[in-house]
N, C-alpha and C. Protein backbone atom coordinates (compact mmCIF):
# COMPACT_ATOMS: atom_id res chain seq x y z
N MET A 1 191.81 101.69 16.40
CA MET A 1 192.44 101.87 17.67
C MET A 1 193.82 101.23 17.61
N GLU A 2 194.79 101.99 18.03
CA GLU A 2 196.16 101.56 17.99
C GLU A 2 196.42 100.52 19.08
N ALA A 3 197.36 99.63 18.81
CA ALA A 3 197.75 98.66 19.82
C ALA A 3 198.49 99.36 20.95
N THR A 4 198.22 98.94 22.17
CA THR A 4 198.89 99.50 23.34
C THR A 4 199.51 98.37 24.13
N GLY A 5 199.88 98.65 25.36
CA GLY A 5 200.44 97.62 26.22
C GLY A 5 199.37 96.66 26.72
N CYS A 6 198.11 96.96 26.50
CA CYS A 6 197.01 96.11 26.95
C CYS A 6 196.74 95.00 25.94
N SER A 7 196.27 93.89 26.46
CA SER A 7 195.84 92.81 25.59
C SER A 7 194.58 93.25 24.84
N ALA A 8 194.38 92.74 23.64
CA ALA A 8 193.21 93.12 22.83
C ALA A 8 191.90 92.71 23.49
N SER A 9 191.95 91.76 24.43
CA SER A 9 190.72 91.31 25.07
C SER A 9 190.47 91.97 26.42
N GLU A 10 191.35 92.87 26.86
CA GLU A 10 191.17 93.55 28.14
C GLU A 10 190.24 94.74 28.01
N PRO A 11 189.38 94.95 29.01
CA PRO A 11 188.52 96.15 29.00
C PRO A 11 189.37 97.42 29.01
N PHE A 12 188.83 98.48 28.44
CA PHE A 12 189.53 99.76 28.39
C PHE A 12 188.53 100.88 28.65
N ALA A 13 189.05 102.05 29.01
CA ALA A 13 188.20 103.20 29.33
C ALA A 13 188.28 104.24 28.22
N LEU A 14 187.15 104.91 27.97
CA LEU A 14 187.08 106.01 27.01
C LEU A 14 186.28 107.15 27.64
N ARG A 15 186.59 108.36 27.24
CA ARG A 15 185.83 109.52 27.68
C ARG A 15 184.85 109.88 26.57
N VAL A 16 183.59 110.10 26.93
CA VAL A 16 182.55 110.45 25.97
C VAL A 16 182.72 111.92 25.58
N LEU A 17 182.69 112.17 24.28
CA LEU A 17 182.80 113.54 23.77
C LEU A 17 181.51 113.91 23.06
N GLY A 18 180.93 115.04 23.42
CA GLY A 18 179.72 115.51 22.76
C GLY A 18 178.46 115.06 23.46
N ASP A 19 177.32 115.47 22.89
CA ASP A 19 176.02 115.22 23.52
C ASP A 19 175.16 114.21 22.76
N MET A 20 175.72 113.50 21.81
CA MET A 20 174.92 112.59 20.99
C MET A 20 174.37 111.40 21.77
N MET A 21 174.95 111.09 22.93
CA MET A 21 174.49 109.95 23.71
C MET A 21 173.78 110.38 25.00
N GLU A 22 173.49 111.66 25.12
CA GLU A 22 172.73 112.16 26.29
C GLU A 22 171.27 111.81 26.11
N PRO A 23 170.52 111.58 27.15
CA PRO A 23 170.85 111.83 28.54
C PRO A 23 171.53 110.65 29.24
N GLU A 24 171.64 109.50 28.61
CA GLU A 24 172.24 108.33 29.27
C GLU A 24 173.73 108.54 29.57
N PHE A 25 174.46 109.13 28.64
CA PHE A 25 175.90 109.36 28.79
C PHE A 25 176.19 110.83 28.54
N ARG A 26 176.61 111.53 29.56
CA ARG A 26 176.87 112.97 29.44
C ARG A 26 178.26 113.22 28.87
N ASP A 27 178.42 114.36 28.23
CA ASP A 27 179.71 114.78 27.70
C ASP A 27 180.74 114.75 28.84
N GLY A 28 181.85 114.08 28.60
CA GLY A 28 182.93 114.02 29.58
C GLY A 28 182.90 112.81 30.49
N CYS A 29 181.81 112.05 30.51
CA CYS A 29 181.78 110.88 31.39
C CYS A 29 182.73 109.80 30.85
N VAL A 30 183.11 108.89 31.72
CA VAL A 30 184.02 107.81 31.35
C VAL A 30 183.24 106.51 31.27
N ILE A 31 183.47 105.78 30.18
CA ILE A 31 182.82 104.48 30.00
C ILE A 31 183.89 103.39 29.96
N ILE A 32 183.52 102.21 30.42
CA ILE A 32 184.39 101.04 30.36
C ILE A 32 183.87 100.15 29.25
N VAL A 33 184.75 99.79 28.33
CA VAL A 33 184.38 99.01 27.15
C VAL A 33 185.04 97.63 27.23
N ASP A 34 184.23 96.61 27.08
CA ASP A 34 184.70 95.23 27.13
C ASP A 34 184.74 94.66 25.71
N PRO A 35 185.94 94.40 25.18
CA PRO A 35 186.04 93.86 23.82
C PRO A 35 185.37 92.49 23.65
N GLU A 36 185.16 91.78 24.75
CA GLU A 36 184.54 90.46 24.67
C GLU A 36 183.12 90.46 25.23
N GLY A 37 182.52 91.65 25.35
CA GLY A 37 181.17 91.76 25.88
C GLY A 37 180.13 91.15 24.95
N LEU A 38 179.00 90.82 25.52
CA LEU A 38 177.90 90.20 24.76
C LEU A 38 177.23 91.25 23.88
N VAL A 39 177.24 91.02 22.59
CA VAL A 39 176.62 91.93 21.62
C VAL A 39 175.17 91.52 21.45
N LYS A 40 174.26 92.47 21.77
CA LYS A 40 172.83 92.20 21.59
C LYS A 40 172.12 93.50 21.24
N ASP A 41 170.94 93.38 20.71
CA ASP A 41 170.15 94.55 20.31
C ASP A 41 169.95 95.47 21.52
N GLY A 42 170.22 96.75 21.32
CA GLY A 42 170.01 97.73 22.37
C GLY A 42 171.22 98.01 23.24
N CYS A 43 172.28 97.21 23.11
CA CYS A 43 173.46 97.46 23.93
C CYS A 43 174.24 98.66 23.37
N TYR A 44 175.13 99.19 24.19
CA TYR A 44 175.96 100.32 23.78
C TYR A 44 177.31 99.78 23.35
N VAL A 45 177.78 100.21 22.18
CA VAL A 45 179.00 99.64 21.60
C VAL A 45 179.95 100.73 21.10
N VAL A 46 181.19 100.31 20.91
CA VAL A 46 182.17 101.09 20.16
C VAL A 46 182.38 100.30 18.88
N ALA A 47 182.11 100.94 17.76
CA ALA A 47 182.18 100.24 16.47
C ALA A 47 182.86 101.12 15.43
N GLN A 48 183.39 100.47 14.42
CA GLN A 48 184.06 101.17 13.34
C GLN A 48 183.13 101.32 12.14
N HIS A 49 183.11 102.54 11.59
CA HIS A 49 182.31 102.85 10.40
C HIS A 49 183.11 103.84 9.56
N ASP A 50 183.38 103.51 8.31
CA ASP A 50 184.14 104.37 7.41
C ASP A 50 185.44 104.87 8.05
N GLU A 51 186.22 103.94 8.60
CA GLU A 51 187.53 104.21 9.18
C GLU A 51 187.49 105.14 10.40
N GLU A 52 186.33 105.32 11.02
CA GLU A 52 186.17 106.11 12.24
C GLU A 52 185.54 105.21 13.30
N PHE A 53 185.82 105.53 14.56
CA PHE A 53 185.21 104.79 15.67
C PHE A 53 184.08 105.61 16.26
N TYR A 54 182.97 104.93 16.56
CA TYR A 54 181.77 105.58 17.08
C TYR A 54 181.32 104.87 18.34
N PHE A 55 180.82 105.65 19.29
CA PHE A 55 180.17 105.12 20.47
C PHE A 55 178.69 105.39 20.29
N ARG A 56 177.90 104.32 20.13
CA ARG A 56 176.46 104.46 19.85
C ARG A 56 175.70 103.27 20.44
N GLN A 57 174.39 103.36 20.34
CA GLN A 57 173.54 102.23 20.72
C GLN A 57 173.34 101.36 19.49
N LEU A 58 173.43 100.06 19.69
CA LEU A 58 173.30 99.11 18.58
C LEU A 58 171.84 98.70 18.40
N HIS A 59 171.40 98.71 17.16
CA HIS A 59 170.07 98.19 16.81
C HIS A 59 170.25 97.13 15.74
N ILE A 60 169.70 95.95 15.99
CA ILE A 60 169.81 94.84 15.05
C ILE A 60 168.44 94.60 14.45
N ASP A 61 168.37 94.61 13.11
CA ASP A 61 167.13 94.38 12.39
C ASP A 61 167.38 93.24 11.42
N GLY A 62 167.01 92.04 11.84
CA GLY A 62 167.29 90.86 11.01
C GLY A 62 168.78 90.63 10.96
N ASP A 63 169.36 90.71 9.75
CA ASP A 63 170.80 90.54 9.61
C ASP A 63 171.51 91.88 9.36
N ARG A 64 170.83 92.98 9.67
CA ARG A 64 171.40 94.33 9.49
C ARG A 64 171.70 94.94 10.86
N TYR A 65 172.84 95.63 10.94
CA TYR A 65 173.30 96.25 12.18
C TYR A 65 173.38 97.77 12.00
N PHE A 66 172.81 98.50 12.95
CA PHE A 66 172.77 99.96 12.88
C PHE A 66 173.28 100.57 14.17
N LEU A 67 173.93 101.73 14.06
CA LEU A 67 174.38 102.51 15.20
C LEU A 67 173.49 103.74 15.29
N LYS A 68 172.97 104.01 16.48
CA LYS A 68 172.02 105.11 16.66
C LYS A 68 172.42 105.95 17.86
N CYS A 69 172.22 107.27 17.76
CA CYS A 69 172.43 108.19 18.88
C CYS A 69 171.27 108.04 19.85
N VAL A 70 171.54 108.22 21.13
CA VAL A 70 170.48 108.19 22.14
C VAL A 70 169.74 109.52 22.16
N ASN A 71 170.46 110.61 21.96
CA ASN A 71 169.88 111.95 21.97
C ASN A 71 168.91 112.08 20.79
N GLU A 72 167.65 112.35 21.09
CA GLU A 72 166.63 112.44 20.04
C GLU A 72 166.81 113.63 19.12
N GLY A 73 167.70 114.55 19.48
CA GLY A 73 168.00 115.69 18.62
C GLY A 73 168.83 115.32 17.40
N TYR A 74 169.34 114.10 17.40
CA TYR A 74 170.14 113.61 16.27
C TYR A 74 169.42 112.42 15.65
N ASP A 75 169.23 112.47 14.35
CA ASP A 75 168.55 111.36 13.68
C ASP A 75 169.53 110.49 12.90
N GLU A 76 170.82 110.65 13.18
CA GLU A 76 171.85 109.88 12.50
C GLU A 76 171.68 108.38 12.76
N LEU A 77 171.67 107.60 11.71
CA LEU A 77 171.58 106.15 11.80
C LEU A 77 172.63 105.60 10.84
N LEU A 78 173.65 104.94 11.39
CA LEU A 78 174.73 104.41 10.57
C LEU A 78 174.60 102.90 10.46
N GLU A 79 174.69 102.38 9.26
CA GLU A 79 174.67 100.93 9.09
C GLU A 79 176.10 100.43 9.05
N ILE A 80 176.38 99.40 9.84
CA ILE A 80 177.70 98.78 9.83
C ILE A 80 177.56 97.40 9.19
N PRO A 81 178.67 96.86 8.67
CA PRO A 81 178.57 95.60 7.92
C PRO A 81 178.16 94.40 8.76
N GLY A 82 178.40 94.45 10.05
CA GLY A 82 178.03 93.32 10.91
C GLY A 82 178.79 93.35 12.21
N ILE A 83 178.72 92.25 12.91
CA ILE A 83 179.31 92.16 14.24
C ILE A 83 180.83 92.37 14.21
N GLU A 84 181.46 92.10 13.09
CA GLU A 84 182.92 92.28 12.98
C GLU A 84 183.35 93.74 13.10
N ALA A 85 182.46 94.67 12.90
CA ALA A 85 182.77 96.10 13.02
C ALA A 85 182.72 96.58 14.48
N ILE A 86 182.21 95.73 15.37
CA ILE A 86 182.09 96.10 16.78
C ILE A 86 183.38 95.75 17.52
N HIS A 87 183.95 96.74 18.20
CA HIS A 87 185.22 96.55 18.91
C HIS A 87 185.04 96.40 20.41
N GLY A 88 183.82 96.57 20.90
CA GLY A 88 183.58 96.38 22.31
C GLY A 88 182.20 96.82 22.72
N VAL A 89 181.76 96.31 23.86
CA VAL A 89 180.45 96.61 24.42
C VAL A 89 180.67 97.37 25.72
N VAL A 90 179.90 98.44 25.93
CA VAL A 90 180.02 99.21 27.17
C VAL A 90 179.49 98.37 28.33
N SER A 91 180.34 98.19 29.33
CA SER A 91 179.94 97.39 30.50
C SER A 91 179.69 98.25 31.73
N GLN A 92 180.24 99.48 31.72
CA GLN A 92 180.10 100.33 32.90
C GLN A 92 180.29 101.79 32.54
N GLN A 93 179.59 102.63 33.30
CA GLN A 93 179.79 104.08 33.23
C GLN A 93 180.35 104.49 34.58
N ALA A 94 181.52 105.08 34.56
CA ALA A 94 182.17 105.48 35.81
C ALA A 94 181.64 106.84 36.25
N GLY A 95 181.62 107.05 37.54
CA GLY A 95 181.21 108.32 38.12
C GLY A 95 182.25 108.78 39.11
N THR A 96 182.12 110.00 39.58
CA THR A 96 183.08 110.50 40.55
C THR A 96 182.85 109.88 41.92
N ARG A 97 181.68 109.33 42.15
CA ARG A 97 181.36 108.64 43.40
C ARG A 97 180.81 107.26 43.07
N ARG A 98 180.99 106.34 43.99
CA ARG A 98 180.57 104.95 43.76
C ARG A 98 179.08 104.87 43.40
N LYS A 99 178.24 105.68 44.04
CA LYS A 99 176.79 105.62 43.77
C LYS A 99 176.46 106.10 42.35
N GLN A 100 177.39 106.79 41.71
CA GLN A 100 177.18 107.26 40.34
C GLN A 100 177.59 106.23 39.29
N HIS A 101 178.24 105.15 39.70
CA HIS A 101 178.64 104.11 38.76
C HIS A 101 177.39 103.38 38.26
N LYS A 102 177.39 103.04 36.99
CA LYS A 102 176.26 102.35 36.40
C LYS A 102 176.80 101.19 35.58
N HIS A 103 176.18 100.01 35.72
CA HIS A 103 176.61 98.83 35.00
C HIS A 103 175.60 98.47 33.91
N TYR A 104 176.12 97.97 32.80
CA TYR A 104 175.28 97.54 31.67
C TYR A 104 175.62 96.09 31.39
N LEU A 105 174.62 95.24 31.33
CA LEU A 105 174.86 93.81 31.05
C LEU A 105 174.06 93.37 29.88
């Protein structure tokens, strides 16, 4: 991710592309990513793998870190080197109406 006018520790928004994270995150929805969010097993993260950025669910198995799609139609499981590959934790899913907003802690 390129440097912008924002501080590296400020939350930022991304638009979800594709159906790999459905049904929790639909194609086109907007997520808020907190670079200083709490990383724990099962949280949703933006992480780097092979020079690409991925939005996936994090699974921690001992000292191994994996990125997994929520959509059961995809069996992709990517191993990342560790917490240093994580660039942020999803803290919120924005909706067009306030009642559609969802928070993740």
